Each structure stands twice: as structure tokens, then as C-alpha cells.
Amino acid sequence: MGSPIRTRAAGCGGRSPFARAHCAGIDGARAPLRARPAKSGFTLIELMVVIALIAITTSIAIPSFQRFLERARADAAAAEVAGLFSLARSEAIRRNVPVTICRATTATSTVCAQDAQADWGGRWLVFQDTDNDQVRAAGEEIIRMRDAGNGLSLLLAAPVQAIQVSARGFLSADGALALRVASSGSDARVLNICVSHAGRIDQRTAACS
């Protein structure tokens, strides 16, 4: 009777396909189990939490950014209007002729409107008023134009047809001039441009006194 080791060796090393498959099954059964690698990525719950956080952050950030833009537009418009008054005064003194600011009849026109209005939200013309009639003639030079700002309100305290600055730098209007600049929306930005008879310009959030 042969040795068990030799019998197993002969059986596994033989040429029989059945013997080789049998030995392979035994060896495979004895092989240690290997751990599966962990899968990377988000679970469904984690993904839902991330989406919820993004939605909350966006709902807070977008309205704040819109308010910031509205305030910035109102500030820019107020600065532009104050700059136009300052330009009209300095040019009137420099040229030694009256300079007039008027509302244009349309958004693309270079003709002054003939009626008095408090709403000055449209196009403005700043021109050299050589004949001193507060209406731009064909040959009178346009010094500057201001186009209408979308979503902005520009209201004078009282209706006027035009605003004229004399060659000495004084306003033709009696007393001070008050212009209110406001943005649109529930949280509107309101600024007041106050121009004295002597041409002094003040920009403030409080009403002109």
C-alpha cells in the first residue's frame, strides 16, 4: 500500500482531466477570501443633503445680490445726475453763456420738450443756450446727453420745463432744486439731489430742506 502523499501527488499530477479539476477545487476551497474594495462616491442621502444645502444658499444669496444691484444702479444714476448739474454750471461759467438742461421729447430725440413735468426719467440734453430761451435751437451745441435708466425713477419736487444755469453759475429756478432718484423693487434705494440757487450740489438719503 503506497504512501498517501505519493497517491495524492500521483492523482493530482496525472494526466486525467478529472483529477486536475478535483485538485483545483480543493486548492480553491483552501484559498483565503479576499475583501472587496470599497466603492467611492456619494450615497443617495448624501446627494440629497448637498442639493438641499445648495437650494437654501441660492435662495438667500440671489435676493441679496439683486438688492445690491438695485442700490448700485441708484447710486450710479444719482452720481451721474449730480455730475450733469456740476458740468452745466462749470460750462456756463467757462463759456460765459447760459447752459440749459431739458427733457428730450423722445428717447432718441435732440429736441427739448415744451411742457413742464416732474417726471424726468427720460433722456436729458445739456446744451449751450446762446439765445437764452431754454429751448434748444438747431445750431446750439449739445454739451452732454443722458439716456433714460431702466427701472429708475427721477422725480423733481415740482414740474419744470427746463433747468437753466446762468453765465455766473446761478440756477434760473427760484430757490433750490430737488430731484429724487429711486430704484425699483420692494427695497428701493432712494437718493435726493439738492441743488441750491447758487449751484451748490448735495447728494443725500434725507429729503432736501
N, C-alpha and C. Protein backbone atom coordinates (compact mmCIF):
# COMPACT_ATOMS: atom_id res chain seq x y z
N MET A 1 0.86 -1.19 0.00
CA MET A 1 0.00 0.00 0.00
C MET A 1 0.88 1.22 0.00
N GLY A 2 0.65 2.07 -0.94
CA GLY A 2 1.54 3.23 -1.11
C GLY A 2 1.27 4.32 -0.10
N SER A 3 2.22 5.28 -0.05
CA SER A 3 2.10 6.43 0.87
C SER A 3 0.97 7.33 0.41
N PRO A 4 0.19 7.97 1.36
CA PRO A 4 -0.90 8.89 0.97
C PRO A 4 -0.39 10.08 0.20
N ILE A 5 0.80 10.54 0.58
CA ILE A 5 1.34 11.72 -0.10
C ILE A 5 1.62 11.39 -1.55
N ARG A 6 2.21 10.21 -1.76
CA ARG A 6 2.54 9.84 -3.12
C ARG A 6 1.27 9.60 -3.92
N THR A 7 0.24 9.00 -3.29
CA THR A 7 -1.00 8.74 -4.00
C THR A 7 -1.65 10.05 -4.45
N ARG A 8 -1.66 11.11 -3.51
CA ARG A 8 -2.25 12.41 -3.86
C ARG A 8 -1.45 13.10 -4.94
N ALA A 9 -0.13 12.94 -4.83
CA ALA A 9 0.72 13.58 -5.84
C ALA A 9 0.50 12.94 -7.19
N ALA A 10 0.35 11.60 -7.15
CA ALA A 10 0.15 10.93 -8.43
C ALA A 10 -1.20 11.28 -9.01
N GLY A 11 -2.20 11.40 -8.09
CA GLY A 11 -3.54 11.71 -8.59
C GLY A 11 -3.63 13.10 -9.17
N CYS A 12 -2.98 14.08 -8.49
CA CYS A 12 -3.06 15.47 -8.97
C CYS A 12 -2.10 15.73 -10.10
N GLY A 13 -1.04 14.96 -10.16
CA GLY A 13 -0.09 15.22 -11.22
C GLY A 13 -0.32 14.39 -12.44
N GLY A 14 -1.34 13.53 -12.39
CA GLY A 14 -1.61 12.70 -13.54
C GLY A 14 -2.18 13.47 -14.70
N ARG A 15 -2.42 12.74 -15.74
CA ARG A 15 -2.92 13.39 -16.94
C ARG A 15 -4.45 13.43 -17.01
N SER A 16 -5.11 12.84 -16.01
CA SER A 16 -6.57 12.79 -16.07
C SER A 16 -7.16 14.18 -15.85
N PRO A 17 -8.00 14.68 -16.75
CA PRO A 17 -8.64 15.99 -16.56
C PRO A 17 -9.49 16.04 -15.32
N PHE A 18 -10.14 14.94 -15.00
CA PHE A 18 -10.98 14.91 -13.81
C PHE A 18 -10.14 15.10 -12.56
N ALA A 19 -8.96 14.46 -12.53
CA ALA A 19 -8.08 14.57 -11.37
C ALA A 19 -7.59 15.99 -11.21
N ARG A 20 -7.23 16.63 -12.33
CA ARG A 20 -6.73 18.02 -12.24
C ARG A 20 -7.83 18.96 -11.77
N ALA A 21 -9.07 18.77 -12.22
CA ALA A 21 -10.18 19.62 -11.79
C ALA A 21 -10.48 19.41 -10.32
N HIS A 22 -10.37 18.15 -9.88
CA HIS A 22 -10.63 17.85 -8.48
C HIS A 22 -9.61 18.53 -7.59
N CYS A 23 -8.35 18.45 -7.97
CA CYS A 23 -7.30 19.10 -7.18
C CYS A 23 -7.45 20.61 -7.18
N ALA A 24 -7.85 21.18 -8.31
CA ALA A 24 -8.04 22.63 -8.38
C ALA A 24 -9.16 23.06 -7.46
N GLY A 25 -10.22 22.24 -7.35
CA GLY A 25 -11.32 22.57 -6.45
C GLY A 25 -10.88 22.54 -5.01
N ILE A 26 -10.06 21.58 -4.66
CA ILE A 26 -9.56 21.50 -3.28
C ILE A 26 -8.70 22.70 -2.96
N ASP A 27 -7.79 23.03 -3.87
CA ASP A 27 -6.90 24.18 -3.63
C ASP A 27 -7.69 25.47 -3.56
N GLY A 28 -8.71 25.62 -4.44
CA GLY A 28 -9.52 26.84 -4.41
C GLY A 28 -10.30 26.96 -3.12
N ALA A 29 -10.76 25.82 -2.58
CA ALA A 29 -11.52 25.88 -1.34
C ALA A 29 -10.66 26.31 -0.19
N ARG A 30 -9.36 25.98 -0.28
CA ARG A 30 -8.45 26.35 0.80
C ARG A 30 -7.91 27.76 0.65
N ALA A 31 -8.12 28.40 -0.50
CA ALA A 31 -7.56 29.75 -0.72
C ALA A 31 -8.30 30.75 0.17
N PRO A 32 -7.60 31.68 0.79
CA PRO A 32 -8.24 32.69 1.66
C PRO A 32 -9.13 33.62 0.84
N LEU A 33 -10.25 34.10 1.47
CA LEU A 33 -11.16 35.04 0.83
C LEU A 33 -10.54 36.43 0.79
N ARG A 34 -10.70 37.11 -0.32
CA ARG A 34 -10.17 38.48 -0.46
C ARG A 34 -11.30 39.50 -0.25
N ALA A 35 -11.00 40.57 0.50
CA ALA A 35 -12.00 41.61 0.76
C ALA A 35 -12.22 42.45 -0.50
N ARG A 36 -13.48 42.77 -0.78
CA ARG A 36 -13.79 43.60 -1.94
C ARG A 36 -13.44 45.06 -1.66
N PRO A 37 -12.88 45.74 -2.65
CA PRO A 37 -12.53 47.15 -2.42
C PRO A 37 -13.79 48.01 -2.21
N ALA A 38 -13.68 48.98 -1.29
CA ALA A 38 -14.83 49.87 -1.00
C ALA A 38 -15.13 50.75 -2.20
N LYS A 39 -16.42 50.97 -2.45
CA LYS A 39 -16.84 51.81 -3.57
C LYS A 39 -16.80 53.29 -3.16
N SER A 40 -16.24 54.13 -4.03
CA SER A 40 -16.17 55.56 -3.77
C SER A 40 -17.38 56.26 -4.38
N GLY A 41 -17.70 57.53 -3.86
CA GLY A 41 -18.82 58.30 -4.40
C GLY A 41 -19.83 58.62 -3.31
N PHE A 42 -20.90 59.33 -3.70
CA PHE A 42 -21.94 59.76 -2.77
C PHE A 42 -23.06 58.72 -2.71
N THR A 43 -23.63 58.60 -1.54
CA THR A 43 -24.86 57.83 -1.43
C THR A 43 -26.03 58.74 -1.81
N LEU A 44 -27.19 58.16 -1.98
CA LEU A 44 -28.37 58.94 -2.36
C LEU A 44 -28.72 59.98 -1.30
N ILE A 45 -28.61 59.60 -0.03
CA ILE A 45 -28.93 60.53 1.07
C ILE A 45 -27.95 61.69 1.08
N GLU A 46 -26.66 61.39 0.91
CA GLU A 46 -25.66 62.46 0.89
C GLU A 46 -25.91 63.42 -0.27
N LEU A 47 -26.26 62.88 -1.42
CA LEU A 47 -26.53 63.73 -2.58
C LEU A 47 -27.74 64.62 -2.34
N MET A 48 -28.78 64.09 -1.70
CA MET A 48 -29.97 64.89 -1.40
C MET A 48 -29.65 66.00 -0.41
N VAL A 49 -28.80 65.74 0.56
CA VAL A 49 -28.39 66.77 1.53
C VAL A 49 -27.63 67.89 0.84
N VAL A 50 -26.72 67.54 -0.07
CA VAL A 50 -25.95 68.55 -0.80
C VAL A 50 -26.87 69.42 -1.65
N ILE A 51 -27.83 68.80 -2.35
CA ILE A 51 -28.77 69.56 -3.18
C ILE A 51 -29.60 70.50 -2.33
N ALA A 52 -30.04 70.04 -1.15
CA ALA A 52 -30.83 70.90 -0.26
C ALA A 52 -30.02 72.09 0.22
N LEU A 53 -28.76 71.88 0.56
CA LEU A 53 -27.91 72.98 1.01
C LEU A 53 -27.69 74.00 -0.10
N ILE A 54 -27.49 73.52 -1.33
CA ILE A 54 -27.32 74.43 -2.47
C ILE A 54 -28.58 75.26 -2.68
N ALA A 55 -29.74 74.62 -2.58
CA ALA A 55 -31.01 75.34 -2.77
C ALA A 55 -31.21 76.41 -1.71
N ILE A 56 -30.89 76.10 -0.45
CA ILE A 56 -31.04 77.09 0.63
C ILE A 56 -30.09 78.26 0.43
N THR A 57 -28.84 77.96 0.10
CA THR A 57 -27.85 79.03 -0.11
C THR A 57 -28.25 79.93 -1.27
N THR A 58 -28.74 79.33 -2.35
CA THR A 58 -29.15 80.12 -3.52
C THR A 58 -30.34 81.02 -3.20
N SER A 59 -31.31 80.49 -2.45
CA SER A 59 -32.50 81.29 -2.11
C SER A 59 -32.15 82.49 -1.25
N ILE A 60 -31.07 82.40 -0.48
CA ILE A 60 -30.64 83.53 0.34
C ILE A 60 -29.77 84.50 -0.46
N ALA A 61 -28.89 83.96 -1.30
CA ALA A 61 -27.91 84.80 -1.99
C ALA A 61 -28.51 85.61 -3.12
N ILE A 62 -29.43 85.05 -3.90
CA ILE A 62 -29.95 85.75 -5.08
C ILE A 62 -30.70 87.03 -4.72
N PRO A 63 -31.65 87.01 -3.76
CA PRO A 63 -32.31 88.28 -3.40
C PRO A 63 -31.35 89.33 -2.88
N SER A 64 -30.36 88.92 -2.10
CA SER A 64 -29.37 89.87 -1.58
C SER A 64 -28.57 90.49 -2.72
N PHE A 65 -28.22 89.68 -3.70
CA PHE A 65 -27.46 90.20 -4.83
C PHE A 65 -28.31 91.15 -5.67
N GLN A 66 -29.59 90.84 -5.83
CA GLN A 66 -30.48 91.73 -6.58
C GLN A 66 -30.63 93.07 -5.88
N ARG A 67 -30.76 93.06 -4.55
CA ARG A 67 -30.84 94.32 -3.80
C ARG A 67 -29.56 95.12 -3.96
N PHE A 68 -28.43 94.42 -3.95
CA PHE A 68 -27.15 95.10 -4.14
C PHE A 68 -27.09 95.77 -5.51
N LEU A 69 -27.56 95.08 -6.55
CA LEU A 69 -27.55 95.65 -7.89
C LEU A 69 -28.46 96.87 -7.99
N GLU A 70 -29.65 96.80 -7.37
CA GLU A 70 -30.58 97.93 -7.41
C GLU A 70 -29.97 99.15 -6.73
N ARG A 71 -29.35 98.95 -5.59
CA ARG A 71 -28.72 100.06 -4.88
C ARG A 71 -27.56 100.63 -5.68
N ALA A 72 -26.79 99.76 -6.29
CA ALA A 72 -25.66 100.23 -7.09
C ALA A 72 -26.13 101.05 -8.29
N ARG A 73 -27.21 100.63 -8.93
CA ARG A 73 -27.75 101.38 -10.07
C ARG A 73 -28.27 102.74 -9.63
N ALA A 74 -28.95 102.79 -8.50
CA ALA A 74 -29.45 104.08 -8.00
C ALA A 74 -28.30 105.00 -7.63
N ASP A 75 -27.27 104.47 -6.99
CA ASP A 75 -26.11 105.29 -6.64
C ASP A 75 -25.42 105.84 -7.89
N ALA A 76 -25.30 104.98 -8.91
CA ALA A 76 -24.65 105.41 -10.15
C ALA A 76 -25.47 106.49 -10.85
N ALA A 77 -26.80 106.32 -10.87
CA ALA A 77 -27.66 107.32 -11.52
C ALA A 77 -27.61 108.65 -10.78
N ALA A 78 -27.62 108.61 -9.45
CA ALA A 78 -27.54 109.84 -8.67
C ALA A 78 -26.22 110.56 -8.90
N ALA A 79 -25.13 109.79 -8.96
CA ALA A 79 -23.83 110.40 -9.23
C ALA A 79 -23.79 111.01 -10.63
N GLU A 80 -24.42 110.35 -11.60
CA GLU A 80 -24.45 110.88 -12.96
C GLU A 80 -25.25 112.18 -13.03
N VAL A 81 -26.40 112.22 -12.36
CA VAL A 81 -27.23 113.43 -12.36
C VAL A 81 -26.50 114.58 -11.68
N ALA A 82 -25.90 114.31 -10.54
CA ALA A 82 -25.14 115.36 -9.85
C ALA A 82 -24.00 115.85 -10.74
N GLY A 83 -23.38 114.94 -11.47
CA GLY A 83 -22.30 115.33 -12.38
C GLY A 83 -22.79 116.21 -13.52
N LEU A 84 -24.02 115.96 -14.00
CA LEU A 84 -24.57 116.80 -15.07
C LEU A 84 -24.84 118.22 -14.60
N PHE A 85 -25.37 118.35 -13.39
CA PHE A 85 -25.59 119.70 -12.84
C PHE A 85 -24.26 120.43 -12.67
N SER A 86 -23.26 119.71 -12.17
CA SER A 86 -21.94 120.32 -12.00
C SER A 86 -21.33 120.72 -13.34
N LEU A 87 -21.51 119.85 -14.35
CA LEU A 87 -21.00 120.16 -15.68
C LEU A 87 -21.69 121.38 -16.27
N ALA A 88 -23.00 121.45 -16.14
CA ALA A 88 -23.74 122.60 -16.68
C ALA A 88 -23.26 123.90 -16.05
N ARG A 89 -23.04 123.89 -14.76
CA ARG A 89 -22.59 125.11 -14.07
C ARG A 89 -21.19 125.51 -14.51
N SER A 90 -20.27 124.54 -14.55
CA SER A 90 -18.89 124.87 -14.92
C SER A 90 -18.79 125.33 -16.37
N GLU A 91 -19.58 124.71 -17.27
CA GLU A 91 -19.55 125.11 -18.68
C GLU A 91 -20.19 126.49 -18.89
N ALA A 92 -21.22 126.80 -18.13
CA ALA A 92 -21.84 128.13 -18.24
C ALA A 92 -20.85 129.22 -17.84
N ILE A 93 -20.11 128.97 -16.77
CA ILE A 93 -19.12 129.96 -16.32
C ILE A 93 -17.97 130.03 -17.32
N ARG A 94 -17.50 128.89 -17.79
CA ARG A 94 -16.36 128.87 -18.71
C ARG A 94 -16.70 129.52 -20.04
N ARG A 95 -17.89 129.24 -20.56
CA ARG A 95 -18.29 129.78 -21.87
C ARG A 95 -18.88 131.19 -21.78
N ASN A 96 -19.23 131.58 -20.56
CA ASN A 96 -19.85 132.89 -20.31
C ASN A 96 -21.18 133.04 -21.05
N VAL A 97 -21.92 131.94 -21.15
CA VAL A 97 -23.27 131.93 -21.73
C VAL A 97 -24.13 130.98 -20.90
N PRO A 98 -25.45 131.16 -20.91
CA PRO A 98 -26.30 130.23 -20.17
C PRO A 98 -26.21 128.80 -20.73
N VAL A 99 -26.31 127.85 -19.86
CA VAL A 99 -26.38 126.43 -20.23
C VAL A 99 -27.68 125.87 -19.66
N THR A 100 -28.43 125.18 -20.50
CA THR A 100 -29.75 124.68 -20.10
C THR A 100 -29.78 123.16 -20.13
N ILE A 101 -30.51 122.60 -19.16
CA ILE A 101 -30.80 121.16 -19.12
C ILE A 101 -32.28 120.99 -19.39
N CYS A 102 -32.63 120.16 -20.37
CA CYS A 102 -34.04 119.94 -20.69
C CYS A 102 -34.31 118.46 -20.90
N ARG A 103 -35.58 118.10 -20.89
CA ARG A 103 -36.01 116.74 -21.24
C ARG A 103 -36.19 116.66 -22.76
N ALA A 104 -35.72 115.60 -23.35
CA ALA A 104 -35.95 115.39 -24.78
C ALA A 104 -37.37 114.87 -25.00
N THR A 105 -37.88 115.11 -26.18
CA THR A 105 -39.25 114.68 -26.49
C THR A 105 -39.38 113.17 -26.54
N THR A 106 -38.33 112.47 -26.98
CA THR A 106 -38.34 111.01 -27.03
C THR A 106 -36.98 110.49 -26.55
N ALA A 107 -36.86 109.17 -26.49
CA ALA A 107 -35.62 108.55 -26.02
C ALA A 107 -34.46 108.73 -26.98
N THR A 108 -34.74 109.11 -28.25
CA THR A 108 -33.68 109.28 -29.24
C THR A 108 -33.64 110.70 -29.80
N SER A 109 -34.48 111.59 -29.28
CA SER A 109 -34.60 112.94 -29.84
C SER A 109 -33.53 113.87 -29.27
N THR A 110 -33.23 114.93 -30.04
CA THR A 110 -32.37 116.02 -29.57
C THR A 110 -33.16 117.33 -29.52
N VAL A 111 -34.47 117.21 -29.39
CA VAL A 111 -35.37 118.36 -29.29
C VAL A 111 -35.93 118.42 -27.88
N CYS A 112 -35.95 119.60 -27.28
CA CYS A 112 -36.45 119.77 -25.92
C CYS A 112 -37.97 119.69 -25.88
N ALA A 113 -38.49 119.05 -24.84
CA ALA A 113 -39.93 119.03 -24.62
C ALA A 113 -40.40 120.42 -24.19
N GLN A 114 -41.61 120.78 -24.59
CA GLN A 114 -42.13 122.13 -24.35
C GLN A 114 -43.04 122.20 -23.12
N ASP A 115 -43.31 121.10 -22.47
CA ASP A 115 -44.21 121.11 -21.32
C ASP A 115 -43.45 120.89 -20.02
N ALA A 116 -44.01 121.40 -18.94
CA ALA A 116 -43.41 121.23 -17.62
C ALA A 116 -43.83 119.89 -17.03
N GLN A 117 -42.85 119.13 -16.56
CA GLN A 117 -43.12 117.82 -15.98
C GLN A 117 -42.25 117.63 -14.74
N ALA A 118 -42.76 116.85 -13.79
CA ALA A 118 -41.96 116.48 -12.62
C ALA A 118 -41.17 115.20 -12.90
N ASP A 119 -41.68 114.36 -13.79
CA ASP A 119 -41.02 113.10 -14.13
C ASP A 119 -39.93 113.37 -15.17
N TRP A 120 -38.68 113.24 -14.74
CA TRP A 120 -37.54 113.45 -15.63
C TRP A 120 -36.78 112.14 -15.84
N GLY A 121 -37.51 111.07 -16.02
CA GLY A 121 -36.88 109.76 -16.17
C GLY A 121 -36.38 109.46 -17.57
N GLY A 122 -36.69 110.32 -18.55
CA GLY A 122 -36.27 110.08 -19.92
C GLY A 122 -34.91 110.67 -20.25
N ARG A 123 -34.70 110.92 -21.53
CA ARG A 123 -33.41 111.48 -21.98
C ARG A 123 -33.28 112.94 -21.57
N TRP A 124 -32.04 113.33 -21.19
CA TRP A 124 -31.72 114.71 -20.86
C TRP A 124 -30.78 115.28 -21.92
N LEU A 125 -30.92 116.57 -22.17
CA LEU A 125 -30.00 117.30 -23.03
C LEU A 125 -29.38 118.45 -22.23
N VAL A 126 -28.08 118.54 -22.28
CA VAL A 126 -27.36 119.68 -21.70
C VAL A 126 -26.76 120.45 -22.87
N PHE A 127 -27.21 121.69 -23.08
CA PHE A 127 -26.79 122.41 -24.28
C PHE A 127 -26.48 123.87 -23.97
N GLN A 128 -25.69 124.46 -24.85
CA GLN A 128 -25.35 125.88 -24.75
C GLN A 128 -26.55 126.69 -25.25
N ASP A 129 -27.16 127.43 -24.34
CA ASP A 129 -28.39 128.17 -24.65
C ASP A 129 -28.03 129.61 -25.06
N THR A 130 -27.52 129.74 -26.27
CA THR A 130 -27.00 131.03 -26.73
C THR A 130 -28.07 132.11 -26.75
N ASP A 131 -29.28 131.77 -27.18
CA ASP A 131 -30.35 132.78 -27.25
C ASP A 131 -31.16 132.89 -25.96
N ASN A 132 -30.78 132.12 -24.95
CA ASN A 132 -31.33 132.27 -23.60
C ASN A 132 -32.86 132.07 -23.54
N ASP A 133 -33.36 131.09 -24.30
CA ASP A 133 -34.81 130.86 -24.30
C ASP A 133 -35.20 129.50 -23.71
N GLN A 134 -34.22 128.75 -23.20
CA GLN A 134 -34.42 127.44 -22.57
C GLN A 134 -34.98 126.39 -23.53
N VAL A 135 -34.85 126.64 -24.81
CA VAL A 135 -35.24 125.67 -25.85
C VAL A 135 -34.08 125.55 -26.82
N ARG A 136 -33.67 124.35 -27.12
CA ARG A 136 -32.51 124.18 -28.00
C ARG A 136 -32.88 124.46 -29.44
N ALA A 137 -32.13 125.39 -30.04
CA ALA A 137 -32.26 125.68 -31.47
C ALA A 137 -31.35 124.73 -32.24
N ALA A 138 -31.52 124.69 -33.55
CA ALA A 138 -30.78 123.75 -34.39
C ALA A 138 -29.28 123.93 -34.29
N GLY A 139 -28.80 125.16 -34.15
CA GLY A 139 -27.37 125.39 -34.14
C GLY A 139 -26.73 125.40 -32.77
N GLU A 140 -27.50 125.22 -31.71
CA GLU A 140 -26.93 125.29 -30.36
C GLU A 140 -26.30 123.95 -29.97
N GLU A 141 -25.09 124.03 -29.47
CA GLU A 141 -24.27 122.84 -29.20
C GLU A 141 -24.81 122.02 -28.04
N ILE A 142 -24.89 120.72 -28.26
CA ILE A 142 -25.22 119.80 -27.17
C ILE A 142 -23.92 119.43 -26.46
N ILE A 143 -23.84 119.79 -25.20
CA ILE A 143 -22.64 119.51 -24.42
C ILE A 143 -22.63 118.06 -23.92
N ARG A 144 -23.77 117.58 -23.48
CA ARG A 144 -23.87 116.22 -22.97
C ARG A 144 -25.30 115.73 -23.07
N MET A 145 -25.48 114.43 -23.24
CA MET A 145 -26.80 113.80 -23.23
C MET A 145 -26.81 112.69 -22.18
N ARG A 146 -27.94 112.54 -21.54
CA ARG A 146 -28.12 111.44 -20.60
C ARG A 146 -29.33 110.63 -21.03
N ASP A 147 -29.14 109.33 -21.26
CA ASP A 147 -30.25 108.47 -21.66
C ASP A 147 -30.98 107.94 -20.44
N ALA A 148 -32.20 107.51 -20.66
CA ALA A 148 -33.05 107.02 -19.56
C ALA A 148 -32.45 105.75 -18.97
N GLY A 149 -32.61 105.61 -17.66
CA GLY A 149 -32.15 104.41 -16.97
C GLY A 149 -33.32 103.47 -16.70
N ASN A 150 -33.22 102.23 -17.13
CA ASN A 150 -34.31 101.27 -16.95
C ASN A 150 -34.52 100.96 -15.47
N GLY A 151 -35.79 101.01 -15.06
CA GLY A 151 -36.11 100.68 -13.67
C GLY A 151 -35.78 101.76 -12.67
N LEU A 152 -35.44 102.96 -13.12
CA LEU A 152 -35.11 104.06 -12.21
C LEU A 152 -36.14 105.16 -12.34
N SER A 153 -36.45 105.78 -11.21
CA SER A 153 -37.40 106.89 -11.17
C SER A 153 -36.65 108.17 -10.83
N LEU A 154 -36.84 109.22 -11.66
CA LEU A 154 -36.24 110.53 -11.41
C LEU A 154 -37.36 111.56 -11.37
N LEU A 155 -37.64 112.07 -10.19
CA LEU A 155 -38.76 112.98 -9.99
C LEU A 155 -38.29 114.28 -9.37
N LEU A 156 -38.68 115.40 -9.99
CA LEU A 156 -38.43 116.71 -9.41
C LEU A 156 -39.51 117.02 -8.37
N ALA A 157 -39.16 117.88 -7.42
CA ALA A 157 -40.13 118.24 -6.39
C ALA A 157 -41.30 119.01 -6.98
N ALA A 158 -41.08 119.71 -8.09
CA ALA A 158 -42.14 120.47 -8.75
C ALA A 158 -41.93 120.38 -10.26
N PRO A 159 -43.01 120.42 -11.04
CA PRO A 159 -42.86 120.33 -12.51
C PRO A 159 -42.11 121.53 -13.07
N VAL A 160 -41.17 121.29 -13.96
CA VAL A 160 -40.45 122.35 -14.67
C VAL A 160 -40.27 121.93 -16.12
N GLN A 161 -40.12 122.92 -16.99
CA GLN A 161 -39.88 122.63 -18.40
C GLN A 161 -38.40 122.42 -18.66
N ALA A 162 -37.56 123.26 -18.05
CA ALA A 162 -36.12 123.18 -18.24
C ALA A 162 -35.42 123.75 -17.02
N ILE A 163 -34.15 123.44 -16.88
CA ILE A 163 -33.32 123.95 -15.79
C ILE A 163 -32.17 124.71 -16.42
N GLN A 164 -32.08 125.99 -16.13
CA GLN A 164 -31.05 126.81 -16.76
C GLN A 164 -30.06 127.32 -15.72
N VAL A 165 -28.79 127.35 -16.13
CA VAL A 165 -27.72 127.91 -15.30
C VAL A 165 -27.19 129.14 -16.02
N SER A 166 -27.15 130.25 -15.30
CA SER A 166 -26.69 131.50 -15.91
C SER A 166 -25.18 131.49 -16.11
N ALA A 167 -24.70 132.49 -16.85
CA ALA A 167 -23.26 132.60 -17.11
C ALA A 167 -22.45 132.80 -15.83
N ARG A 168 -23.12 133.21 -14.76
CA ARG A 168 -22.46 133.40 -13.47
C ARG A 168 -22.57 132.15 -12.59
N GLY A 169 -23.25 131.12 -13.07
CA GLY A 169 -23.34 129.86 -12.34
C GLY A 169 -24.53 129.72 -11.42
N PHE A 170 -25.54 130.61 -11.56
CA PHE A 170 -26.73 130.53 -10.72
C PHE A 170 -27.88 129.84 -11.46
N LEU A 171 -28.72 129.12 -10.69
CA LEU A 171 -29.89 128.49 -11.27
C LEU A 171 -30.95 129.53 -11.60
N SER A 172 -31.63 129.31 -12.72
CA SER A 172 -32.71 130.21 -13.09
C SER A 172 -33.96 129.96 -12.25
N ALA A 173 -34.08 128.75 -11.69
CA ALA A 173 -35.24 128.43 -10.87
C ALA A 173 -35.20 129.21 -9.57
N ASP A 174 -36.37 129.54 -9.06
CA ASP A 174 -36.47 130.26 -7.79
C ASP A 174 -36.15 129.29 -6.65
N GLY A 175 -35.21 129.65 -5.82
CA GLY A 175 -34.86 128.80 -4.69
C GLY A 175 -34.08 127.57 -5.13
N ALA A 176 -34.16 126.51 -4.30
CA ALA A 176 -33.39 125.29 -4.55
C ALA A 176 -34.16 124.35 -5.46
N LEU A 177 -33.42 123.41 -6.01
CA LEU A 177 -33.99 122.38 -6.89
C LEU A 177 -33.78 121.03 -6.24
N ALA A 178 -34.82 120.22 -6.19
CA ALA A 178 -34.74 118.90 -5.55
C ALA A 178 -35.15 117.83 -6.55
N LEU A 179 -34.31 116.83 -6.68
CA LEU A 179 -34.57 115.71 -7.59
C LEU A 179 -34.43 114.41 -6.81
N ARG A 180 -35.42 113.54 -6.93
CA ARG A 180 -35.44 112.27 -6.21
C ARG A 180 -35.12 111.14 -7.17
N VAL A 181 -34.08 110.36 -6.83
CA VAL A 181 -33.67 109.20 -7.63
C VAL A 181 -34.01 107.95 -6.83
N ALA A 182 -34.76 107.04 -7.43
CA ALA A 182 -35.18 105.83 -6.71
C ALA A 182 -35.09 104.63 -7.63
N SER A 183 -34.65 103.50 -7.07
CA SER A 183 -34.64 102.24 -7.82
C SER A 183 -35.99 101.56 -7.66
N SER A 184 -36.20 100.50 -8.42
CA SER A 184 -37.45 99.75 -8.35
C SER A 184 -37.35 98.66 -7.30
N GLY A 185 -38.46 97.99 -7.05
CA GLY A 185 -38.45 96.88 -6.10
C GLY A 185 -38.97 97.28 -4.74
N SER A 186 -39.22 96.25 -3.90
CA SER A 186 -39.77 96.50 -2.57
C SER A 186 -38.75 97.16 -1.65
N ASP A 187 -37.47 96.91 -1.87
CA ASP A 187 -36.41 97.51 -1.06
C ASP A 187 -35.70 98.57 -1.89
N ALA A 188 -36.44 99.60 -2.30
CA ALA A 188 -35.91 100.60 -3.22
C ALA A 188 -34.88 101.48 -2.53
N ARG A 189 -33.88 101.85 -3.30
CA ARG A 189 -32.86 102.79 -2.86
C ARG A 189 -33.30 104.19 -3.29
N VAL A 190 -33.40 105.13 -2.35
CA VAL A 190 -33.86 106.49 -2.63
C VAL A 190 -32.75 107.47 -2.29
N LEU A 191 -32.40 108.31 -3.26
CA LEU A 191 -31.40 109.36 -3.05
C LEU A 191 -31.98 110.68 -3.53
N ASN A 192 -31.60 111.75 -2.86
CA ASN A 192 -32.08 113.09 -3.20
C ASN A 192 -30.91 113.96 -3.63
N ILE A 193 -31.07 114.59 -4.79
CA ILE A 193 -30.09 115.54 -5.30
C ILE A 193 -30.62 116.94 -5.00
N CYS A 194 -29.91 117.67 -4.19
CA CYS A 194 -30.34 119.02 -3.78
C CYS A 194 -29.38 120.03 -4.39
N VAL A 195 -29.93 120.95 -5.18
CA VAL A 195 -29.12 121.98 -5.85
C VAL A 195 -29.61 123.34 -5.37
N SER A 196 -28.72 124.11 -4.77
CA SER A 196 -29.10 125.44 -4.28
C SER A 196 -29.13 126.44 -5.44
N HIS A 197 -29.69 127.61 -5.16
CA HIS A 197 -29.77 128.65 -6.19
C HIS A 197 -28.37 129.06 -6.67
N ALA A 198 -27.40 128.99 -5.77
CA ALA A 198 -26.03 129.35 -6.12
C ALA A 198 -25.30 128.23 -6.85
N GLY A 199 -25.95 127.08 -7.01
CA GLY A 199 -25.34 125.99 -7.76
C GLY A 199 -24.65 124.94 -6.92
N ARG A 200 -24.77 125.05 -5.60
CA ARG A 200 -24.15 124.04 -4.73
C ARG A 200 -24.96 122.75 -4.81
N ILE A 201 -24.27 121.61 -4.99
CA ILE A 201 -24.93 120.32 -5.18
C ILE A 201 -24.67 119.44 -3.97
N ASP A 202 -25.74 118.84 -3.46
CA ASP A 202 -25.64 117.95 -2.31
C ASP A 202 -26.44 116.69 -2.60
N GLN A 203 -25.84 115.54 -2.31
CA GLN A 203 -26.50 114.25 -2.51
C GLN A 203 -26.70 113.60 -1.16
N ARG A 204 -27.94 113.20 -0.85
CA ARG A 204 -28.24 112.66 0.48
C ARG A 204 -29.42 111.69 0.40
N THR A 205 -29.57 110.89 1.47
CA THR A 205 -30.73 110.00 1.57
C THR A 205 -31.93 110.72 2.17
N ALA A 206 -31.69 111.75 2.98
CA ALA A 206 -32.78 112.53 3.55
C ALA A 206 -33.33 113.51 2.52
N ALA A 207 -34.54 113.98 2.76
CA ALA A 207 -35.17 114.92 1.83
C ALA A 207 -34.43 116.25 1.83
N CYS A 208 -34.50 116.95 0.70
CA CYS A 208 -33.88 118.27 0.60
C CYS A 208 -34.64 119.26 1.49
N SER A 209 -33.92 120.08 2.22
CA SER A 209 -34.56 121.05 3.11
C SER A 209 -34.75 122.38 2.39
